[in-house]
């Protein structure tokens, strides 16, 4: 849940909320805001879409992250399930955060070069 001081919102679809997954997402988010402390809002959605598809595995994770920054800048990433036999929730979350992290770095690089370049 989100409080006034907490910009992180975590939503789950077709899966139970667990302390392990919550902790992993909060850890990844805390690393992200070390790079950019201007994050106003971060919404993370985690879904086990295997429940809705006829797959050979019981777990297939979709993770989306939407970051809101000052001046109306939004960064969004969607990590679709890997075609591997077993898709780990940890790797899905790590992949999604790695993608949004790269977007943040690129945005900061662009801002720096537009101001000083």
PDB file of N, CA and C in Angstrom:
ATOM      1  N   UNK A   1       0.819  -1.184   0.000  1.00  0.00           N
ATOM      2  CA  UNK A   1       0.000   0.000   0.000  1.00  0.00           C
ATOM      3  C   UNK A   1       0.868   1.254   0.000  1.00  0.00           C
ATOM      4  N   UNK A   2       0.322   2.353  -0.448  1.00  0.00           N
ATOM      5  CA  UNK A   2       1.054   3.612  -0.560  1.00  0.00           C
ATOM      6  C   UNK A   2       0.635   4.559   0.561  1.00  0.00           C
ATOM      7  N   UNK A   3       1.634   5.205   1.162  1.00  0.00           N
ATOM      8  CA  UNK A   3       1.371   6.274   2.111  1.00  0.00           C
ATOM      9  C   UNK A   3       1.858   7.568   1.473  1.00  0.00           C
ATOM     10  N   UNK A   4       1.633   8.685   2.143  1.00  0.00           N
ATOM     11  CA  UNK A   4       2.081   9.959   1.569  1.00  0.00           C
ATOM     12  C   UNK A   4       3.591  10.001   1.380  1.00  0.00           C
ATOM     13  N   UNK A   5       4.340   9.352   2.267  1.00  0.00           N
ATOM     14  CA  UNK A   5       5.792   9.382   2.169  1.00  0.00           C
ATOM     15  C   UNK A   5       6.331   8.240   1.310  1.00  0.00           C
ATOM     16  N   UNK A   6       5.483   7.311   0.900  1.00  0.00           N
ATOM     17  CA  UNK A   6       5.924   6.140   0.162  1.00  0.00           C
ATOM     18  C   UNK A   6       5.437   6.206  -1.281  1.00  0.00           C
ATOM     19  N   UNK A   7       6.347   6.415  -2.234  1.00  0.00           N
ATOM     20  CA  UNK A   7       5.929   6.517  -3.626  1.00  0.00           C
ATOM     21  C   UNK A   7       5.718   5.162  -4.309  1.00  0.00           C
ATOM     22  N   UNK A   8       5.964   4.062  -3.602  1.00  0.00           N
ATOM     23  CA  UNK A   8       5.889   2.732  -4.206  1.00  0.00           C
ATOM     24  C   UNK A   8       4.519   2.090  -4.003  1.00  0.00           C
ATOM     25  N   UNK A   9       3.936   1.622  -5.112  1.00  0.00           N
ATOM     26  CA  UNK A   9       2.668   0.896  -5.088  1.00  0.00           C
ATOM     27  C   UNK A   9       2.917  -0.461  -5.753  1.00  0.00           C
ATOM     28  N   UNK A  10       2.517  -1.534  -5.095  1.00  0.00           N
ATOM     29  CA  UNK A  10       2.690  -2.878  -5.645  1.00  0.00           C
ATOM     30  C   UNK A  10       1.320  -3.526  -5.785  1.00  0.00           C
ATOM     31  N   UNK A  11       1.033  -4.018  -6.989  1.00  0.00           N
ATOM     32  CA  UNK A  11      -0.235  -4.703  -7.253  1.00  0.00           C
ATOM     33  C   UNK A  11       0.052  -6.127  -7.740  1.00  0.00           C
ATOM     34  N   UNK A  12      -0.783  -7.071  -7.316  1.00  0.00           N
ATOM     35  CA  UNK A  12      -0.643  -8.471  -7.702  1.00  0.00           C
ATOM     36  C   UNK A  12      -1.899  -8.921  -8.440  1.00  0.00           C
ATOM     37  N   UNK A  13      -1.710  -9.730  -9.471  1.00  0.00           N
ATOM     38  CA  UNK A  13      -2.832 -10.284 -10.216  1.00  0.00           C
ATOM     39  C   UNK A  13      -2.626 -11.791 -10.353  1.00  0.00           C
ATOM     40  N   UNK A  14      -3.598 -12.542  -9.947  1.00  0.00           N
ATOM     41  CA  UNK A  14      -3.589 -14.007 -10.060  1.00  0.00           C
ATOM     42  C   UNK A  14      -2.451 -14.653  -9.274  1.00  0.00           C
ATOM     43  N   UNK A  15      -2.083 -14.012  -8.191  1.00  0.00           N
ATOM     44  CA  UNK A  15      -1.062 -14.584  -7.313  1.00  0.00           C
ATOM     45  C   UNK A  15      -1.184 -13.951  -5.938  1.00  0.00           C
ATOM     46  N   UNK A  16      -0.675 -14.653  -4.960  1.00  0.00           N
ATOM     47  CA  UNK A  16      -0.717 -14.168  -3.589  1.00  0.00           C
ATOM     48  C   UNK A  16       0.429 -13.198  -3.328  1.00  0.00           C
ATOM     49  N   UNK A  17       0.153 -12.187  -2.558  1.00  0.00           N
ATOM     50  CA  UNK A  17       1.187 -11.265  -2.105  1.00  0.00           C
ATOM     51  C   UNK A  17       2.034 -11.996  -1.059  1.00  0.00           C
ATOM     52  N   UNK A  18       3.363 -11.946  -1.236  1.00  0.00           N
ATOM     53  CA  UNK A  18       4.242 -12.602  -0.267  1.00  0.00           C
ATOM     54  C   UNK A  18       5.262 -11.604   0.252  1.00  0.00           C
ATOM     55  N   UNK A  19       5.748 -11.858   1.431  1.00  0.00           N
ATOM     56  CA  UNK A  19       6.768 -11.008   2.032  1.00  0.00           C
ATOM     57  C   UNK A  19       8.052 -11.041   1.207  1.00  0.00           C
ATOM     58  N   UNK A  20       8.380 -12.207   0.659  1.00  0.00           N
ATOM     59  CA  UNK A  20       9.595 -12.352  -0.148  1.00  0.00           C
ATOM     60  C   UNK A  20       9.551 -11.476  -1.399  1.00  0.00           C
ATOM     61  N   UNK A  21       8.428 -11.505  -2.111  1.00  0.00           N
ATOM     62  CA  UNK A  21       8.294 -10.707  -3.331  1.00  0.00           C
ATOM     63  C   UNK A  21       8.234  -9.222  -2.980  1.00  0.00           C
ATOM     64  N   UNK A  22       7.475  -8.863  -1.947  1.00  0.00           N
ATOM     65  CA  UNK A  22       7.433  -7.474  -1.489  1.00  0.00           C
ATOM     66  C   UNK A  22       8.828  -6.958  -1.154  1.00  0.00           C
ATOM     67  N   UNK A  23       9.589  -7.747  -0.420  1.00  0.00           N
ATOM     68  CA  UNK A  23      10.942  -7.349  -0.020  1.00  0.00           C
ATOM     69  C   UNK A  23      11.853  -7.179  -1.222  1.00  0.00           C
ATOM     70  N   UNK A  24      11.735  -8.088  -2.189  1.00  0.00           N
ATOM     71  CA  UNK A  24      12.555  -8.003  -3.399  1.00  0.00           C
ATOM     72  C   UNK A  24      12.243  -6.726  -4.175  1.00  0.00           C
ATOM     73  N   UNK A  25      10.967  -6.423  -4.341  1.00  0.00           N
ATOM     74  CA  UNK A  25      10.564  -5.216  -5.072  1.00  0.00           C
ATOM     75  C   UNK A  25      11.018  -3.965  -4.325  1.00  0.00           C
ATOM     76  N   UNK A  26      10.845  -3.939  -3.011  1.00  0.00           N
ATOM     77  CA  UNK A  26      11.278  -2.777  -2.225  1.00  0.00           C
ATOM     78  C   UNK A  26      12.783  -2.588  -2.284  1.00  0.00           C
ATOM     79  N   UNK A  27      13.537  -3.683  -2.291  1.00  0.00           N
ATOM     80  CA  UNK A  27      14.991  -3.603  -2.404  1.00  0.00           C
ATOM     81  C   UNK A  27      15.396  -3.040  -3.761  1.00  0.00           C
ATOM     82  N   UNK A  28      14.792  -3.550  -4.829  1.00  0.00           N
ATOM     83  CA  UNK A  28      15.089  -3.054  -6.183  1.00  0.00           C
ATOM     84  C   UNK A  28      14.709  -1.573  -6.309  1.00  0.00           C
ATOM     85  N   UNK A  29      13.579  -1.194  -5.715  1.00  0.00           N
ATOM     86  CA  UNK A  29      13.144   0.200  -5.773  1.00  0.00           C
ATOM     87  C   UNK A  29      14.110   1.102  -5.004  1.00  0.00           C
ATOM     88  N   UNK A  30      14.575   0.666  -3.841  1.00  0.00           N
ATOM     89  CA  UNK A  30      15.503   1.489  -3.065  1.00  0.00           C
ATOM     90  C   UNK A  30      16.812   1.698  -3.821  1.00  0.00           C
ATOM     91  N   UNK A  31      17.234   0.709  -4.577  1.00  0.00           N
ATOM     92  CA  UNK A  31      18.438   0.871  -5.414  1.00  0.00           C
ATOM     93  C   UNK A  31      18.182   1.853  -6.551  1.00  0.00           C
ATOM     94  N   UNK A  32      16.967   1.810  -7.075  1.00  0.00           N
ATOM     95  CA  UNK A  32      16.598   2.695  -8.178  1.00  0.00           C
ATOM     96  C   UNK A  32      16.599   4.162  -7.741  1.00  0.00           C
ATOM     97  N   UNK A  33      16.069   4.447  -6.551  1.00  0.00           N
ATOM     98  CA  UNK A  33      16.009   5.845  -6.125  1.00  0.00           C
ATOM     99  C   UNK A  33      17.362   6.373  -5.666  1.00  0.00           C
ATOM    100  N   UNK A  34      18.338   5.503  -5.506  1.00  0.00           N
ATOM    101  CA  UNK A  34      19.703   5.993  -5.271  1.00  0.00           C
ATOM    102  C   UNK A  34      20.248   6.643  -6.535  1.00  0.00           C
ATOM    103  N   UNK A  35      19.794   6.173  -7.687  1.00  0.00           N
ATOM    104  CA  UNK A  35      20.215   6.736  -8.971  1.00  0.00           C
ATOM    105  C   UNK A  35      19.448   8.018  -9.259  1.00  0.00           C
ATOM    106  N   UNK A  36      18.168   8.018  -8.926  1.00  0.00           N
ATOM    107  CA  UNK A  36      17.321   9.181  -9.184  1.00  0.00           C
ATOM    108  C   UNK A  36      16.367   9.361  -8.012  1.00  0.00           C
ATOM    109  N   UNK A  37      16.647  10.354  -7.187  1.00  0.00           N
ATOM    110  CA  UNK A  37      15.809  10.573  -6.002  1.00  0.00           C
ATOM    111  C   UNK A  37      14.586  11.446  -6.301  1.00  0.00           C
ATOM    112  N   UNK A  38      14.326  11.698  -7.576  1.00  0.00           N
ATOM    113  CA  UNK A  38      13.185  12.525  -7.970  1.00  0.00           C
ATOM    114  C   UNK A  38      11.940  11.714  -8.305  1.00  0.00           C
ATOM    115  N   UNK A  39      11.958  10.413  -8.035  1.00  0.00           N
ATOM    116  CA  UNK A  39      10.807   9.573  -8.349  1.00  0.00           C
ATOM    117  C   UNK A  39       9.629   9.999  -7.480  1.00  0.00           C
ATOM    118  N   UNK A  40       8.550  10.380  -8.122  1.00  0.00           N
ATOM    119  CA  UNK A  40       7.358  10.812  -7.403  1.00  0.00           C
ATOM    120  C   UNK A  40       6.403   9.651  -7.142  1.00  0.00           C
ATOM    121  N   UNK A  41       6.390   8.705  -8.068  1.00  0.00           N
ATOM    122  CA  UNK A  41       5.472   7.585  -7.968  1.00  0.00           C
ATOM    123  C   UNK A  41       6.057   6.411  -8.732  1.00  0.00           C
ATOM    124  N   UNK A  42       5.938   5.214  -8.163  1.00  0.00           N
ATOM    125  CA  UNK A  42       6.387   4.006  -8.839  1.00  0.00           C
ATOM    126  C   UNK A  42       5.329   2.932  -8.631  1.00  0.00           C
ATOM    127  N   UNK A  43       4.722   2.516  -9.725  1.00  0.00           N
ATOM    128  CA  UNK A  43       3.705   1.470  -9.646  1.00  0.00           C
ATOM    129  C   UNK A  43       4.261   0.209 -10.291  1.00  0.00           C
ATOM    130  N   UNK A  44       4.317  -0.865  -9.494  1.00  0.00           N
ATOM    131  CA  UNK A  44       4.802  -2.157  -9.960  1.00  0.00           C
ATOM    132  C   UNK A  44       3.623  -3.119  -9.973  1.00  0.00           C
ATOM    133  N   UNK A  45       3.412  -3.756 -11.112  1.00  0.00           N
ATOM    134  CA  UNK A  45       2.349  -4.758 -11.236  1.00  0.00           C
ATOM    135  C   UNK A  45       2.989  -6.090 -11.582  1.00  0.00           C
ATOM    136  N   UNK A  46       2.615  -7.115 -10.827  1.00  0.00           N
ATOM    137  CA  UNK A  46       3.147  -8.456 -11.030  1.00  0.00           C
ATOM    138  C   UNK A  46       1.973  -9.390 -11.264  1.00  0.00           C
ATOM    139  N   UNK A  47       2.043 -10.164 -12.350  1.00  0.00           N
ATOM    140  CA  UNK A  47       0.948 -11.077 -12.667  1.00  0.00           C
ATOM    141  C   UNK A  47       1.473 -12.451 -13.033  1.00  0.00           C
ATOM    142  N   UNK A  48       0.806 -13.456 -12.541  1.00  0.00           N
ATOM    143  CA  UNK A  48       1.079 -14.828 -12.948  1.00  0.00           C
ATOM    144  C   UNK A  48       0.080 -15.154 -14.046  1.00  0.00           C
ATOM    145  N   UNK A  49       0.501 -14.996 -15.295  1.00  0.00           N
ATOM    146  CA  UNK A  49      -0.442 -15.163 -16.399  1.00  0.00           C
ATOM    147  C   UNK A  49      -0.609 -16.616 -16.814  1.00  0.00           C
ATOM    148  N   UNK A  50       0.154 -17.524 -16.241  1.00  0.00           N
ATOM    149  CA  UNK A  50       0.007 -18.942 -16.575  1.00  0.00           C
ATOM    150  C   UNK A  50      -1.358 -19.458 -16.143  1.00  0.00           C
ATOM    151  N   UNK A  51      -1.955 -18.844 -15.151  1.00  0.00           N
ATOM    152  CA  UNK A  51      -3.284 -19.259 -14.702  1.00  0.00           C
ATOM    153  C   UNK A  51      -4.343 -19.032 -15.769  1.00  0.00           C
ATOM    154  N   UNK A  52      -4.053 -18.112 -16.691  1.00  0.00           N
ATOM    155  CA  UNK A  52      -5.023 -17.775 -17.718  1.00  0.00           C
ATOM    156  C   UNK A  52      -4.713 -18.401 -19.070  1.00  0.00           C
ATOM    157  N   UNK A  53      -3.569 -19.074 -19.167  1.00  0.00           N
ATOM    158  CA  UNK A  53      -3.157 -19.668 -20.434  1.00  0.00           C
ATOM    159  C   UNK A  53      -2.959 -21.163 -20.246  1.00  0.00           C
ATOM    160  N   UNK A  54      -3.159 -21.899 -21.290  1.00  0.00           N
ATOM    161  CA  UNK A  54      -2.900 -23.339 -21.238  1.00  0.00           C
ATOM    162  C   UNK A  54      -1.410 -23.556 -21.493  1.00  0.00           C
ATOM    163  N   UNK A  55      -0.626 -23.544 -20.419  1.00  0.00           N
ATOM    164  CA  UNK A  55       0.814 -23.722 -20.542  1.00  0.00           C
ATOM    165  C   UNK A  55       1.239 -24.975 -19.808  1.00  0.00           C
ATOM    166  N   UNK A  56       2.450 -25.412 -20.095  1.00  0.00           N
ATOM    167  CA  UNK A  56       2.993 -26.597 -19.443  1.00  0.00           C
ATOM    168  C   UNK A  56       3.499 -26.291 -18.042  1.00  0.00           C
ATOM    169  N   UNK A  57       3.663 -25.033 -17.733  1.00  0.00           N
ATOM    170  CA  UNK A  57       4.163 -24.639 -16.430  1.00  0.00           C
ATOM    171  C   UNK A  57       3.092 -23.890 -15.643  1.00  0.00           C
ATOM    172  N   UNK A  58       3.222 -23.866 -14.353  1.00  0.00           N
ATOM    173  CA  UNK A  58       2.250 -23.168 -13.514  1.00  0.00           C
ATOM    174  C   UNK A  58       2.623 -21.710 -13.287  1.00  0.00           C
ATOM    175  N   UNK A  59       3.819 -21.323 -13.708  1.00  0.00           N
ATOM    176  CA  UNK A  59       4.301 -19.982 -13.415  1.00  0.00           C
ATOM    177  C   UNK A  59       4.841 -19.323 -14.673  1.00  0.00           C
ATOM    178  N   UNK A  60       4.301 -18.194 -14.999  1.00  0.00           N
ATOM    179  CA  UNK A  60       4.742 -17.389 -16.120  1.00  0.00           C
ATOM    180  C   UNK A  60       4.418 -15.946 -15.750  1.00  0.00           C
ATOM    181  N   UNK A  61       5.452 -15.151 -15.484  1.00  0.00           N
ATOM    182  CA  UNK A  61       5.242 -13.847 -14.857  1.00  0.00           C
ATOM    183  C   UNK A  61       5.379 -12.686 -15.820  1.00  0.00           C
ATOM    184  N   UNK A  62       4.460 -11.754 -15.683  1.00  0.00           N
ATOM    185  CA  UNK A  62       4.477 -10.486 -16.395  1.00  0.00           C
ATOM    186  C   UNK A  62       4.685  -9.404 -15.333  1.00  0.00           C
ATOM    187  N   UNK A  63       5.659  -8.525 -15.555  1.00  0.00           N
ATOM    188  CA  UNK A  63       5.945  -7.452 -14.595  1.00  0.00           C
ATOM    189  C   UNK A  63       5.965  -6.131 -15.350  1.00  0.00           C
ATOM    190  N   UNK A  64       5.201  -5.164 -14.854  1.00  0.00           N
ATOM    191  CA  UNK A  64       5.243  -3.825 -15.442  1.00  0.00           C
ATOM    192  C   UNK A  64       5.629  -2.826 -14.352  1.00  0.00           C
ATOM    193  N   UNK A  65       6.388  -1.816 -14.772  1.00  0.00           N
ATOM    194  CA  UNK A  65       6.808  -0.753 -13.858  1.00  0.00           C
ATOM    195  C   UNK A  65       6.528   0.575 -14.541  1.00  0.00           C
ATOM    196  N   UNK A  66       5.869   1.472 -13.810  1.00  0.00           N
ATOM    197  CA  UNK A  66       5.586   2.815 -14.300  1.00  0.00           C
ATOM    198  C   UNK A  66       6.151   3.811 -13.290  1.00  0.00           C
ATOM    199  N   UNK A  67       7.131   4.588 -13.724  1.00  0.00           N
ATOM    200  CA  UNK A  67       7.750   5.607 -12.869  1.00  0.00           C
ATOM    201  C   UNK A  67       7.267   6.981 -13.294  1.00  0.00           C
ATOM    202  N   UNK A  68       6.877   7.786 -12.327  1.00  0.00           N
ATOM    203  CA  UNK A  68       6.517   9.178 -12.597  1.00  0.00           C
ATOM    204  C   UNK A  68       7.593  10.070 -12.006  1.00  0.00           C
ATOM    205  N   UNK A  69       8.093  10.975 -12.834  1.00  0.00           N
ATOM    206  CA  UNK A  69       9.153  11.905 -12.453  1.00  0.00           C
ATOM    207  C   UNK A  69       8.638  13.334 -12.596  1.00  0.00           C
ATOM    208  N   UNK A  70       9.381  14.304 -12.080  1.00  0.00           N
ATOM    209  CA  UNK A  70       8.964  15.705 -12.238  1.00  0.00           C
ATOM    210  C   UNK A  70       8.833  16.107 -13.712  1.00  0.00           C
ATOM    211  N   UNK A  71       8.156  17.202 -13.940  1.00  0.00           N
ATOM    212  CA  UNK A  71       7.958  17.787 -15.260  1.00  0.00           C
ATOM    213  C   UNK A  71       7.152  16.875 -16.178  1.00  0.00           C
ATOM    214  N   UNK A  72       6.321  16.001 -15.611  1.00  0.00           N
ATOM    215  CA  UNK A  72       5.447  15.156 -16.411  1.00  0.00           C
ATOM    216  C   UNK A  72       6.131  14.009 -17.132  1.00  0.00           C
ATOM    217  N   UNK A  73       7.327  13.655 -16.720  1.00  0.00           N
ATOM    218  CA  UNK A  73       8.059  12.572 -17.369  1.00  0.00           C
ATOM    219  C   UNK A  73       7.624  11.242 -16.752  1.00  0.00           C
ATOM    220  N   UNK A  74       7.225  10.306 -17.595  1.00  0.00           N
ATOM    221  CA  UNK A  74       6.869   8.959 -17.161  1.00  0.00           C
ATOM    222  C   UNK A  74       7.747   7.954 -17.894  1.00  0.00           C
ATOM    223  N   UNK A  75       8.245   6.982 -17.165  1.00  0.00           N
ATOM    224  CA  UNK A  75       8.988   5.878 -17.749  1.00  0.00           C
ATOM    225  C   UNK A  75       8.188   4.611 -17.511  1.00  0.00           C
ATOM    226  N   UNK A  76       8.122   3.771 -18.539  1.00  0.00           N
ATOM    227  CA  UNK A  76       7.321   2.555 -18.432  1.00  0.00           C
ATOM    228  C   UNK A  76       8.092   1.391 -19.030  1.00  0.00           C
ATOM    229  N   UNK A  77       8.011   0.258 -18.372  1.00  0.00           N
ATOM    230  CA  UNK A  77       8.579  -0.957 -18.939  1.00  0.00           C
ATOM    231  C   UNK A  77       7.642  -2.121 -18.667  1.00  0.00           C
ATOM    232  N   UNK A  78       7.633  -3.049 -19.601  1.00  0.00           N
ATOM    233  CA  UNK A  78       6.826  -4.255 -19.478  1.00  0.00           C
ATOM    234  C   UNK A  78       7.730  -5.442 -19.766  1.00  0.00           C
ATOM    235  N   UNK A  79       7.823  -6.322 -18.802  1.00  0.00           N
ATOM    236  CA  UNK A  79       8.630  -7.533 -18.968  1.00  0.00           C
ATOM    237  C   UNK A  79       7.669  -8.699 -19.171  1.00  0.00           C
ATOM    238  N   UNK A  80       7.641  -9.202 -20.382  1.00  0.00           N
ATOM    239  CA  UNK A  80       6.781 -10.337 -20.709  1.00  0.00           C
ATOM    240  C   UNK A  80       7.460 -11.632 -20.301  1.00  0.00           C
ATOM    241  N   UNK A  81       6.683 -12.693 -20.149  1.00  0.00           N
ATOM    242  CA  UNK A  81       7.263 -13.979 -19.742  1.00  0.00           C
ATOM    243  C   UNK A  81       8.292 -14.497 -20.735  1.00  0.00           C
ATOM    244  N   UNK A  82       9.308 -15.122 -20.216  1.00  0.00           N
ATOM    245  CA  UNK A  82      10.332 -15.751 -21.041  1.00  0.00           C
ATOM    246  C   UNK A  82       9.787 -17.085 -21.549  1.00  0.00           C
ATOM    247  N   UNK A  83      10.205 -17.507 -22.729  1.00  0.00           N
ATOM    248  CA  UNK A  83       9.704 -18.779 -23.258  1.00  0.00           C
ATOM    249  C   UNK A  83      10.329 -20.013 -22.585  1.00  0.00           C
ATOM    250  N   UNK A  84      11.144 -19.803 -21.579  1.00  0.00           N
ATOM    251  CA  UNK A  84      11.764 -20.929 -20.879  1.00  0.00           C
ATOM    252  C   UNK A  84      10.697 -21.743 -20.149  1.00  0.00           C
ATOM    253  N   UNK A  85      11.043 -22.964 -19.822  1.00  0.00           N
ATOM    254  CA  UNK A  85      10.096 -23.867 -19.156  1.00  0.00           C
ATOM    255  C   UNK A  85       9.656 -23.316 -17.800  1.00  0.00           C
ATOM    256  N   UNK A  86      10.571 -22.794 -17.027  1.00  0.00           N
ATOM    257  CA  UNK A  86      10.244 -22.225 -15.724  1.00  0.00           C
ATOM    258  C   UNK A  86      10.646 -20.758 -15.690  1.00  0.00           C
ATOM    259  N   UNK A  87       9.716 -19.906 -15.456  1.00  0.00           N
ATOM    260  CA  UNK A  87       9.958 -18.467 -15.378  1.00  0.00           C
ATOM    261  C   UNK A  87       9.932 -18.071 -13.909  1.00  0.00           C
ATOM    262  N   UNK A  88      11.053 -17.657 -13.383  1.00  0.00           N
ATOM    263  CA  UNK A  88      11.154 -17.313 -11.966  1.00  0.00           C
ATOM    264  C   UNK A  88      10.638 -15.899 -11.708  1.00  0.00           C
ATOM    265  N   UNK A  89       9.929 -15.733 -10.602  1.00  0.00           N
ATOM    266  CA  UNK A  89       9.438 -14.411 -10.209  1.00  0.00           C
ATOM    267  C   UNK A  89      10.609 -13.467  -9.938  1.00  0.00           C
ATOM    268  N   UNK A  90      11.687 -13.987  -9.368  1.00  0.00           N
ATOM    269  CA  UNK A  90      12.859 -13.164  -9.077  1.00  0.00           C
ATOM    270  C   UNK A  90      13.494 -12.644 -10.354  1.00  0.00           C
ATOM    271  N   UNK A  91      13.646 -13.503 -11.347  1.00  0.00           N
ATOM    272  CA  UNK A  91      14.261 -13.046 -12.597  1.00  0.00           C
ATOM    273  C   UNK A  91      13.336 -12.079 -13.338  1.00  0.00           C
ATOM    274  N   UNK A  92      12.032 -12.292 -13.263  1.00  0.00           N
ATOM    275  CA  UNK A  92      11.081 -11.390 -13.924  1.00  0.00           C
ATOM    276  C   UNK A  92      11.165  -9.986 -13.325  1.00  0.00           C
ATOM    277  N   UNK A  93      11.211  -9.910 -11.993  1.00  0.00           N
ATOM    278  CA  UNK A  93      11.300  -8.611 -11.311  1.00  0.00           C
ATOM    279  C   UNK A  93      12.648  -7.960 -11.590  1.00  0.00           C
ATOM    280  N   UNK A  94      13.724  -8.739 -11.526  1.00  0.00           N
ATOM    281  CA  UNK A  94      15.065  -8.201 -11.796  1.00  0.00           C
ATOM    282  C   UNK A  94      15.157  -7.661 -13.219  1.00  0.00           C
ATOM    283  N   UNK A  95      14.618  -8.392 -14.193  1.00  0.00           N
ATOM    284  CA  UNK A  95      14.645  -7.943 -15.592  1.00  0.00           C
ATOM    285  C   UNK A  95      13.885  -6.625 -15.762  1.00  0.00           C
ATOM    286  N   UNK A  96      12.706  -6.536 -15.156  1.00  0.00           N
ATOM    287  CA  UNK A  96      11.893  -5.320 -15.293  1.00  0.00           C
ATOM    288  C   UNK A  96      12.604  -4.121 -14.672  1.00  0.00           C
ATOM    289  N   UNK A  97      13.171  -4.298 -13.487  1.00  0.00           N
ATOM    290  CA  UNK A  97      13.879  -3.190 -12.854  1.00  0.00           C
ATOM    291  C   UNK A  97      15.146  -2.821 -13.620  1.00  0.00           C
ATOM    292  N   UNK A  98      15.826  -3.804 -14.207  1.00  0.00           N
ATOM    293  CA  UNK A  98      17.014  -3.507 -15.014  1.00  0.00           C
ATOM    294  C   UNK A  98      16.641  -2.651 -16.221  1.00  0.00           C
ATOM    295  N   UNK A  99      15.507  -2.939 -16.818  1.00  0.00           N
ATOM    296  CA  UNK A  99      15.057  -2.167 -17.986  1.00  0.00           C
ATOM    297  C   UNK A  99      14.717  -0.724 -17.619  1.00  0.00           C
ATOM    298  N   UNK A 100      13.995  -0.540 -16.521  1.00  0.00           N
ATOM    299  CA  UNK A 100      13.621   0.823 -16.124  1.00  0.00           C
ATOM    300  C   UNK A 100      14.850   1.579 -15.604  1.00  0.00           C
ATOM    301  N   UNK A 101      15.789   0.862 -15.009  1.00  0.00           N
ATOM    302  CA  UNK A 101      17.051   1.463 -14.566  1.00  0.00           C
ATOM    303  C   UNK A 101      17.810   2.027 -15.779  1.00  0.00           C
ATOM    304  N   UNK A 102      17.878   1.237 -16.851  1.00  0.00           N
ATOM    305  CA  UNK A 102      18.554   1.708 -18.075  1.00  0.00           C
ATOM    306  C   UNK A 102      17.856   2.942 -18.643  1.00  0.00           C
ATOM    307  N   UNK A 103      16.525   2.950 -18.601  1.00  0.00           N
ATOM    308  CA  UNK A 103      15.783   4.116 -19.087  1.00  0.00           C
ATOM    309  C   UNK A 103      16.105   5.359 -18.262  1.00  0.00           C
ATOM    310  N   UNK A 104      16.214   5.187 -16.951  1.00  0.00           N
ATOM    311  CA  UNK A 104      16.561   6.310 -16.066  1.00  0.00           C
ATOM    312  C   UNK A 104      17.948   6.844 -16.379  1.00  0.00           C
ATOM    313  N   UNK A 105      18.902   5.937 -16.557  1.00  0.00           N
ATOM    314  CA  UNK A 105      20.280   6.343 -16.884  1.00  0.00           C
ATOM    315  C   UNK A 105      20.302   7.097 -18.208  1.00  0.00           C
ATOM    316  N   UNK A 106      19.582   6.584 -19.218  1.00  0.00           N
ATOM    317  CA  UNK A 106      19.523   7.262 -20.518  1.00  0.00           C
ATOM    318  C   UNK A 106      18.895   8.650 -20.398  1.00  0.00           C
ATOM    319  N   UNK A 107      17.842   8.753 -19.596  1.00  0.00           N
ATOM    320  CA  UNK A 107      17.176  10.046 -19.395  1.00  0.00           C
ATOM    321  C   UNK A 107      18.120  11.037 -18.724  1.00  0.00           C
ATOM    322  N   UNK A 108      18.830  10.595 -17.706  1.00  0.00           N
ATOM    323  CA  UNK A 108      19.774  11.477 -17.021  1.00  0.00           C
ATOM    324  C   UNK A 108      20.919  11.886 -17.952  1.00  0.00           C
ATOM    325  N   UNK A 109      21.362  10.961 -18.794  1.00  0.00           N
ATOM    326  CA  UNK A 109      22.417  11.255 -19.763  1.00  0.00           C
ATOM    327  C   UNK A 109      21.938  12.323 -20.751  1.00  0.00           C
ATOM    328  N   UNK A 110      20.712  12.161 -21.231  1.00  0.00           N
ATOM    329  CA  UNK A 110      20.137  13.144 -22.174  1.00  0.00           C
ATOM    330  C   UNK A 110      20.013  14.514 -21.514  1.00  0.00           C
ATOM    331  N   UNK A 111      19.524  14.557 -20.275  1.00  0.00           N
ATOM    332  CA  UNK A 111      19.388  15.833 -19.570  1.00  0.00           C
ATOM    333  C   UNK A 111      20.739  16.514 -19.390  1.00  0.00           C
ATOM    334  N   UNK A 112      21.739  15.738 -19.009  1.00  0.00           N
ATOM    335  CA  UNK A 112      23.087  16.271 -18.787  1.00  0.00           C
ATOM    336  C   UNK A 112      23.656  16.853 -20.071  1.00  0.00           C
ATOM    337  N   UNK A 113      23.480  16.139 -21.188  1.00  0.00           N
ATOM    338  CA  UNK A 113      24.042  16.604 -22.435  1.00  0.00           C
ATOM    339  C   UNK A 113      23.249  17.742 -23.056  1.00  0.00           C
ATOM    340  N   UNK A 114      21.956  17.827 -22.759  1.00  0.00           N
ATOM    341  CA  UNK A 114      21.188  18.959 -23.234  1.00  0.00           C
ATOM    342  C   UNK A 114      21.534  20.236 -22.468  1.00  0.00           C
ATOM    343  N   UNK A 115      21.833  20.089 -21.172  1.00  0.00           N
ATOM    344  CA  UNK A 115      22.156  21.249 -20.347  1.00  0.00           C
ATOM    345  C   UNK A 115      23.591  21.696 -20.579  1.00  0.00           C
ATOM    346  N   UNK A 116      24.515  20.729 -20.587  1.00  0.00           N
ATOM    347  CA  UNK A 116      25.934  21.075 -20.663  1.00  0.00           C
ATOM    348  C   UNK A 116      26.568  20.872 -22.030  1.00  0.00           C
ATOM    349  N   UNK A 117      25.858  20.225 -22.954  1.00  0.00           N
ATOM    350  CA  UNK A 117      26.481  19.840 -24.214  1.00  0.00           C
ATOM    351  C   UNK A 117      26.453  20.840 -25.273  1.00  0.00           C
TER     352      UNK A 117
END
